[in-house]
Amino acid sequence: MHSSVPTVSVSELAAVLADDPTTPLIDVREPAEYAAGHAPSAVLIPMSVVPVRLADIPKDRPVYVICHSGGRSAQVVHWLNAQGYDTVNVDGGTAGWGGHGHPIVH
């Protein structure tokens, strides 16, 4: 895992979203994975299209990035932060989110 990327646990993410439900959350998995289940406020921007969807990612506030377990999202966070974004990896990903009893939308 990228030790240099800012990271939160799924519990920390849940607290952030409870405090501000408009906090941006980007799911970088593939469309079929997203359709199979995702965190309620997560917006799908697959890892492969992040570079061409930068206009869809807010640059004026922290953005949380989630995948299945935290590997792909860590790579995306590393890249986005190098581009000047304020992004945070969600350790444990969607699997951890659901595993901790947080809602999953299908």
Protein backbone atom coordinates (compact mmCIF):
# COMPACT_ATOMS: atom_id res chain seq x y z
CA MET A 1 0.00 0.00 0.00
CA HIS A 2 1.09 3.58 -0.53
CA SER A 3 2.21 4.78 2.88
CA SER A 4 2.45 8.33 1.55
CA VAL A 5 -1.25 8.74 0.91
CA PRO A 6 -3.66 10.22 3.47
CA THR A 7 -5.99 7.47 4.65
CA VAL A 8 -9.12 7.11 6.79
CA SER A 9 -10.90 4.01 8.06
CA VAL A 10 -14.47 3.23 7.00
CA SER A 11 -15.58 4.29 10.50
CA GLU A 12 -13.84 7.66 10.09
CA LEU A 13 -15.49 8.07 6.68
CA ALA A 14 -18.90 7.28 8.18
CA ALA A 15 -18.34 10.02 10.79
CA VAL A 16 -17.30 12.53 8.08
CA LEU A 17 -20.40 11.70 6.00
CA ALA A 18 -22.67 11.89 9.05
CA ASP A 19 -21.27 15.35 9.80
CA ASP A 20 -21.52 16.53 6.16
CA PRO A 21 -23.52 14.29 3.78
CA THR A 22 -22.36 16.42 0.82
CA THR A 23 -18.72 15.34 1.32
CA PRO A 24 -17.50 14.06 -2.07
CA LEU A 25 -16.93 10.28 -2.24
CA ILE A 26 -15.62 8.78 -5.47
CA ASP A 27 -15.80 5.04 -6.21
CA VAL A 28 -13.00 4.09 -8.63
CA ARG A 29 -14.09 0.49 -9.27
CA GLU A 30 -15.51 -0.76 -12.55
CA PRO A 31 -19.22 -0.18 -13.38
CA ALA A 32 -20.21 -3.82 -12.70
CA GLU A 33 -18.57 -3.72 -9.26
CA TYR A 34 -20.30 -0.42 -8.46
CA ALA A 35 -23.67 -1.81 -9.59
CA ALA A 36 -23.18 -4.85 -7.33
CA GLY A 37 -23.04 -2.57 -4.28
CA HIS A 38 -21.64 0.79 -3.21
CA ALA A 39 -21.75 3.32 -0.39
CA PRO A 40 -24.91 5.47 -0.76
CA SER A 41 -23.23 8.78 -1.66
CA ALA A 42 -20.43 7.31 -3.79
CA VAL A 43 -20.12 8.63 -7.35
CA LEU A 44 -18.69 6.22 -9.92
CA ILE A 45 -15.53 7.41 -11.71
CA PRO A 46 -13.65 4.24 -12.72
CA MET A 47 -9.89 4.35 -12.16
CA SER A 48 -9.22 4.14 -15.90
CA VAL A 49 -11.17 7.35 -16.64
CA VAL A 50 -10.10 9.50 -13.67
CA PRO A 51 -7.59 11.45 -15.83
CA VAL A 52 -10.34 12.49 -18.29
CA ARG A 53 -12.94 13.17 -15.57
CA LEU A 54 -10.90 15.65 -13.50
CA ALA A 55 -13.56 18.32 -14.08
CA ASP A 56 -15.96 16.11 -12.07
CA ILE A 57 -13.67 16.03 -9.03
CA PRO A 58 -13.88 19.03 -6.66
CA LYS A 59 -10.57 20.77 -6.09
CA ASP A 60 -11.78 23.12 -3.33
CA ARG A 61 -12.40 20.55 -0.58
CA PRO A 62 -11.27 17.10 0.57
CA VAL A 63 -12.50 14.25 -1.63
CA TYR A 64 -12.67 10.67 -0.36
CA VAL A 65 -11.76 7.84 -2.75
CA ILE A 66 -12.99 4.27 -2.30
CA CYS A 67 -12.60 0.98 -4.20
CA HIS A 68 -13.15 -2.64 -3.15
CA SER A 69 -10.49 -2.86 -0.42
CA GLY A 70 -8.25 0.20 -0.68
CA GLY A 71 -5.58 -0.71 -3.25
CA ARG A 72 -6.87 1.01 -6.38
CA SER A 73 -8.16 3.99 -4.41
CA ALA A 74 -4.69 4.45 -2.84
CA GLN A 75 -3.17 4.59 -6.33
CA VAL A 76 -5.78 7.14 -7.46
CA VAL A 77 -5.27 9.26 -4.31
CA HIS A 78 -1.50 9.21 -4.85
CA TRP A 79 -1.96 10.41 -8.46
CA LEU A 80 -4.68 13.01 -7.75
CA ASN A 81 -2.72 14.55 -4.87
CA ALA A 82 0.27 14.88 -7.20
CA GLN A 83 -2.06 16.89 -9.49
CA GLY A 84 -2.92 19.28 -6.64
CA TYR A 85 -6.12 17.65 -5.35
CA ASP A 86 -6.92 17.08 -1.66
CA THR A 87 -7.93 13.42 -1.72
CA VAL A 88 -8.07 10.78 0.99
CA ASN A 89 -8.00 6.99 0.59
CA VAL A 90 -10.68 4.90 2.35
CA ASP A 91 -8.81 1.95 3.86
CA GLY A 92 -10.88 -1.24 3.73
CA GLY A 93 -12.94 0.06 0.82
CA THR A 94 -16.48 -0.93 0.02
CA ALA A 95 -15.89 -4.42 1.46
CA GLY A 96 -14.96 -2.86 4.80
CA TRP A 97 -17.80 -0.34 4.56
CA GLY A 98 -20.41 -3.10 4.23
CA GLY A 99 -18.52 -5.35 6.65
CA HIS A 100 -18.83 -2.69 9.34
CA GLY A 101 -22.59 -2.55 8.88
CA HIS A 102 -22.78 0.66 6.86
CA PRO A 103 -25.47 0.80 4.17
CA ILE A 104 -24.79 -0.57 0.69
CA VAL A 105 -26.85 0.51 -2.31
CA HIS A 106 -27.41 -2.03 -5.11
